């Protein structure tokens, strides 16, 4: 089963992503959530997710900085960037 990590500063968005998609039926386990890029760094290194869904604009550390910070340590992780901005 693939491991998924959801990173977004808005709890309602994280919950929506977690519960509106039947992840288990797709062979994916939601292994972790984080509310900003800094929080996500430690969790991602620890759980080694296969897929990360991350917001771009977040406080403390944005999604792009988060990816730059961990991509060398997570070479097989796929990152999907989400944005509500035009």
N, C-alpha and C. Protein backbone atom coordinates (compact mmCIF):
# COMPACT_ATOMS: atom_id res chain seq x y z
N UNK A 1 0.85 -1.18 0.00
CA UNK A 1 0.00 0.00 0.00
C UNK A 1 0.90 1.24 0.00
N UNK A 2 0.56 2.22 -0.85
CA UNK A 2 1.31 3.47 -0.92
C UNK A 2 0.98 4.35 0.28
N UNK A 3 1.97 5.14 0.72
CA UNK A 3 1.76 6.07 1.83
C UNK A 3 1.61 7.49 1.30
N UNK A 4 0.59 8.18 1.79
CA UNK A 4 0.28 9.55 1.39
C UNK A 4 0.45 10.49 2.58
N UNK A 5 0.96 11.69 2.30
CA UNK A 5 1.05 12.74 3.31
C UNK A 5 0.33 13.96 2.76
N UNK A 6 -0.49 14.59 3.61
CA UNK A 6 -1.26 15.78 3.23
C UNK A 6 -0.72 16.96 4.02
N UNK A 7 -0.34 18.04 3.31
CA UNK A 7 0.24 19.22 3.95
C UNK A 7 -0.55 20.46 3.53
N UNK A 8 -1.23 21.07 4.49
CA UNK A 8 -2.00 22.30 4.22
C UNK A 8 -2.22 23.00 5.54
N UNK A 9 -2.16 24.32 5.53
CA UNK A 9 -2.34 25.08 6.76
C UNK A 9 -3.80 25.18 7.19
N UNK A 10 -4.72 24.85 6.33
CA UNK A 10 -6.14 24.92 6.67
C UNK A 10 -6.66 23.52 7.00
N UNK A 11 -7.09 23.34 8.25
CA UNK A 11 -7.56 22.03 8.71
C UNK A 11 -8.73 21.51 7.88
N UNK A 12 -9.64 22.40 7.49
CA UNK A 12 -10.80 21.95 6.71
C UNK A 12 -10.37 21.41 5.34
N UNK A 13 -9.34 21.95 4.76
CA UNK A 13 -8.82 21.46 3.48
C UNK A 13 -8.17 20.10 3.69
N UNK A 14 -7.37 19.96 4.75
CA UNK A 14 -6.75 18.66 5.03
C UNK A 14 -7.81 17.59 5.25
N UNK A 15 -8.83 17.92 6.01
CA UNK A 15 -9.90 16.95 6.25
C UNK A 15 -10.64 16.61 4.97
N UNK A 16 -10.88 17.61 4.12
CA UNK A 16 -11.55 17.37 2.86
C UNK A 16 -10.76 16.43 1.97
N UNK A 17 -9.45 16.64 1.91
CA UNK A 17 -8.61 15.76 1.09
C UNK A 17 -8.56 14.35 1.68
N UNK A 18 -8.54 14.27 2.98
CA UNK A 18 -8.46 12.96 3.64
C UNK A 18 -9.74 12.15 3.45
N UNK A 19 -10.89 12.81 3.63
CA UNK A 19 -12.14 12.05 3.70
C UNK A 19 -13.00 12.08 2.43
N UNK A 20 -12.69 12.92 1.46
CA UNK A 20 -13.54 12.97 0.26
C UNK A 20 -13.07 12.03 -0.84
N UNK A 21 -11.90 11.45 -0.67
CA UNK A 21 -11.36 10.52 -1.66
C UNK A 21 -11.21 9.16 -0.98
N UNK A 22 -11.68 8.08 -1.61
CA UNK A 22 -11.56 6.74 -1.00
C UNK A 22 -10.14 6.18 -1.14
N UNK A 23 -9.21 6.75 -0.40
CA UNK A 23 -7.80 6.40 -0.54
C UNK A 23 -7.55 4.90 -0.39
N UNK A 24 -8.15 4.28 0.62
CA UNK A 24 -7.92 2.85 0.86
C UNK A 24 -8.29 2.01 -0.35
N UNK A 25 -9.40 2.36 -1.00
CA UNK A 25 -9.84 1.63 -2.19
C UNK A 25 -8.82 1.77 -3.34
N UNK A 26 -8.06 2.84 -3.31
CA UNK A 26 -7.04 3.09 -4.33
C UNK A 26 -5.67 2.52 -3.96
N UNK A 27 -5.63 1.83 -2.82
CA UNK A 27 -4.36 1.25 -2.38
C UNK A 27 -3.43 2.26 -1.74
N UNK A 28 -4.02 3.31 -1.16
CA UNK A 28 -3.23 4.38 -0.55
C UNK A 28 -3.66 4.57 0.91
N UNK A 29 -2.68 4.66 1.78
CA UNK A 29 -2.92 4.92 3.20
C UNK A 29 -2.51 6.35 3.51
N UNK A 30 -3.40 7.12 4.15
CA UNK A 30 -3.02 8.47 4.60
C UNK A 30 -2.17 8.27 5.85
N UNK A 31 -0.87 8.45 5.69
CA UNK A 31 0.09 8.13 6.74
C UNK A 31 0.40 9.31 7.65
N UNK A 32 0.17 10.55 7.16
CA UNK A 32 0.49 11.72 7.98
C UNK A 32 -0.16 12.96 7.41
N UNK A 33 -0.32 13.94 8.29
CA UNK A 33 -0.77 15.27 7.92
C UNK A 33 0.16 16.27 8.58
N UNK A 34 0.27 17.45 7.97
CA UNK A 34 1.07 18.52 8.56
C UNK A 34 0.42 19.85 8.21
N UNK A 35 0.62 20.86 9.07
CA UNK A 35 -0.04 22.15 8.89
C UNK A 35 0.87 23.21 8.27
N UNK A 36 2.15 22.88 8.04
CA UNK A 36 3.06 23.79 7.35
C UNK A 36 4.28 23.00 6.91
N UNK A 37 5.10 23.61 6.09
CA UNK A 37 6.25 22.92 5.54
C UNK A 37 7.27 22.49 6.57
N UNK A 38 7.46 23.28 7.60
CA UNK A 38 8.44 22.93 8.63
C UNK A 38 7.99 21.68 9.38
N UNK A 39 6.72 21.65 9.77
CA UNK A 39 6.15 20.47 10.44
C UNK A 39 6.24 19.26 9.50
N UNK A 40 6.01 19.48 8.22
CA UNK A 40 6.03 18.40 7.23
C UNK A 40 7.42 17.82 7.04
N UNK A 41 8.47 18.63 7.15
CA UNK A 41 9.83 18.14 6.93
C UNK A 41 10.16 16.96 7.83
N UNK A 42 9.97 17.13 9.12
CA UNK A 42 10.30 16.06 10.08
C UNK A 42 9.44 14.83 9.83
N UNK A 43 8.15 15.04 9.62
CA UNK A 43 7.24 13.90 9.41
C UNK A 43 7.57 13.16 8.12
N UNK A 44 7.87 13.89 7.06
CA UNK A 44 8.17 13.26 5.78
C UNK A 44 9.45 12.42 5.86
N UNK A 45 10.46 12.93 6.48
CA UNK A 45 11.71 12.18 6.62
C UNK A 45 11.47 10.91 7.43
N UNK A 46 10.64 11.02 8.46
CA UNK A 46 10.36 9.88 9.32
C UNK A 46 9.51 8.80 8.63
N UNK A 47 8.43 9.21 7.93
CA UNK A 47 7.52 8.20 7.37
C UNK A 47 7.84 7.79 5.94
N UNK A 48 8.66 8.58 5.23
CA UNK A 48 9.04 8.26 3.85
C UNK A 48 7.80 8.04 2.96
N UNK A 49 6.95 9.07 2.78
CA UNK A 49 5.74 8.89 1.97
C UNK A 49 6.07 8.66 0.49
N UNK A 50 5.17 7.96 -0.17
CA UNK A 50 5.30 7.76 -1.61
C UNK A 50 4.76 8.97 -2.37
N UNK A 51 3.72 9.59 -1.79
CA UNK A 51 3.06 10.75 -2.41
C UNK A 51 2.85 11.82 -1.34
N UNK A 52 3.12 13.07 -1.70
CA UNK A 52 2.82 14.20 -0.82
C UNK A 52 1.93 15.18 -1.58
N UNK A 53 0.78 15.49 -1.00
CA UNK A 53 -0.08 16.56 -1.52
C UNK A 53 0.21 17.77 -0.64
N UNK A 54 0.71 18.84 -1.22
CA UNK A 54 1.06 20.00 -0.41
C UNK A 54 0.53 21.30 -1.01
N UNK A 55 0.07 22.16 -0.14
CA UNK A 55 -0.31 23.51 -0.51
C UNK A 55 0.98 24.26 -0.83
N UNK A 56 0.87 25.30 -1.62
CA UNK A 56 2.05 26.12 -1.91
C UNK A 56 2.22 27.19 -0.84
N UNK A 57 1.19 27.96 -0.58
CA UNK A 57 1.29 29.10 0.33
C UNK A 57 0.84 28.69 1.73
N UNK A 58 1.80 28.65 2.65
CA UNK A 58 1.54 28.30 4.05
C UNK A 58 2.46 29.13 4.93
N UNK A 59 2.06 29.35 6.18
CA UNK A 59 2.95 30.08 7.10
C UNK A 59 4.15 29.23 7.50
N UNK A 60 5.15 29.87 8.03
CA UNK A 60 6.38 29.28 8.56
C UNK A 60 7.28 28.77 7.43
N UNK A 61 6.80 27.81 6.63
CA UNK A 61 7.56 27.33 5.47
C UNK A 61 6.55 26.95 4.40
N UNK A 62 6.71 27.52 3.20
CA UNK A 62 5.76 27.22 2.13
C UNK A 62 6.06 25.86 1.49
N UNK A 63 5.15 25.42 0.64
CA UNK A 63 5.27 24.11 0.02
C UNK A 63 6.49 23.95 -0.86
N UNK A 64 6.85 24.99 -1.59
CA UNK A 64 8.02 24.91 -2.47
C UNK A 64 9.30 24.79 -1.64
N UNK A 65 9.40 25.56 -0.58
CA UNK A 65 10.58 25.46 0.30
C UNK A 65 10.65 24.09 0.96
N UNK A 66 9.50 23.58 1.36
CA UNK A 66 9.43 22.23 1.95
C UNK A 66 9.98 21.19 0.98
N UNK A 67 9.53 21.24 -0.27
CA UNK A 67 9.99 20.27 -1.26
C UNK A 67 11.50 20.41 -1.48
N UNK A 68 11.98 21.63 -1.61
CA UNK A 68 13.43 21.85 -1.79
C UNK A 68 14.23 21.28 -0.63
N UNK A 69 13.66 21.40 0.57
CA UNK A 69 14.35 20.97 1.78
C UNK A 69 14.47 19.44 1.87
N UNK A 70 13.47 18.71 1.37
CA UNK A 70 13.46 17.26 1.57
C UNK A 70 13.68 16.41 0.32
N UNK A 71 13.65 17.01 -0.86
CA UNK A 71 13.67 16.19 -2.08
C UNK A 71 14.92 15.32 -2.21
N UNK A 72 16.08 15.76 -1.75
CA UNK A 72 17.27 14.93 -1.82
C UNK A 72 17.19 13.72 -0.90
N UNK A 73 16.49 13.87 0.21
CA UNK A 73 16.35 12.77 1.17
C UNK A 73 15.17 11.86 0.84
N UNK A 74 14.30 12.32 -0.06
CA UNK A 74 13.12 11.53 -0.47
C UNK A 74 13.12 11.40 -2.00
N UNK A 75 14.11 10.75 -2.57
CA UNK A 75 14.23 10.74 -4.04
C UNK A 75 13.10 10.02 -4.77
N UNK A 76 12.38 9.14 -4.10
CA UNK A 76 11.32 8.39 -4.77
C UNK A 76 9.92 8.92 -4.43
N UNK A 77 9.85 9.97 -3.66
CA UNK A 77 8.56 10.57 -3.30
C UNK A 77 8.08 11.47 -4.43
N UNK A 78 6.79 11.36 -4.74
CA UNK A 78 6.17 12.22 -5.75
C UNK A 78 5.43 13.34 -5.02
N UNK A 79 5.63 14.58 -5.48
CA UNK A 79 5.01 15.74 -4.86
C UNK A 79 3.96 16.32 -5.79
N UNK A 80 2.80 16.61 -5.23
CA UNK A 80 1.72 17.27 -5.97
C UNK A 80 1.46 18.59 -5.27
N UNK A 81 1.63 19.69 -5.99
CA UNK A 81 1.42 21.03 -5.43
C UNK A 81 -0.01 21.47 -5.67
N UNK A 82 -0.63 22.01 -4.64
CA UNK A 82 -2.00 22.52 -4.71
C UNK A 82 -1.98 24.03 -4.49
N UNK A 83 -2.85 24.71 -5.18
CA UNK A 83 -2.94 26.15 -4.98
C UNK A 83 -4.33 26.66 -5.28
N UNK A 84 -4.78 27.59 -4.47
CA UNK A 84 -6.04 28.27 -4.73
C UNK A 84 -5.81 29.63 -5.35
N UNK A 85 -4.55 29.92 -5.70
CA UNK A 85 -4.19 31.21 -6.25
C UNK A 85 -4.11 31.15 -7.77
N UNK A 86 -4.42 32.26 -8.42
CA UNK A 86 -4.35 32.27 -9.89
C UNK A 86 -2.92 32.45 -10.36
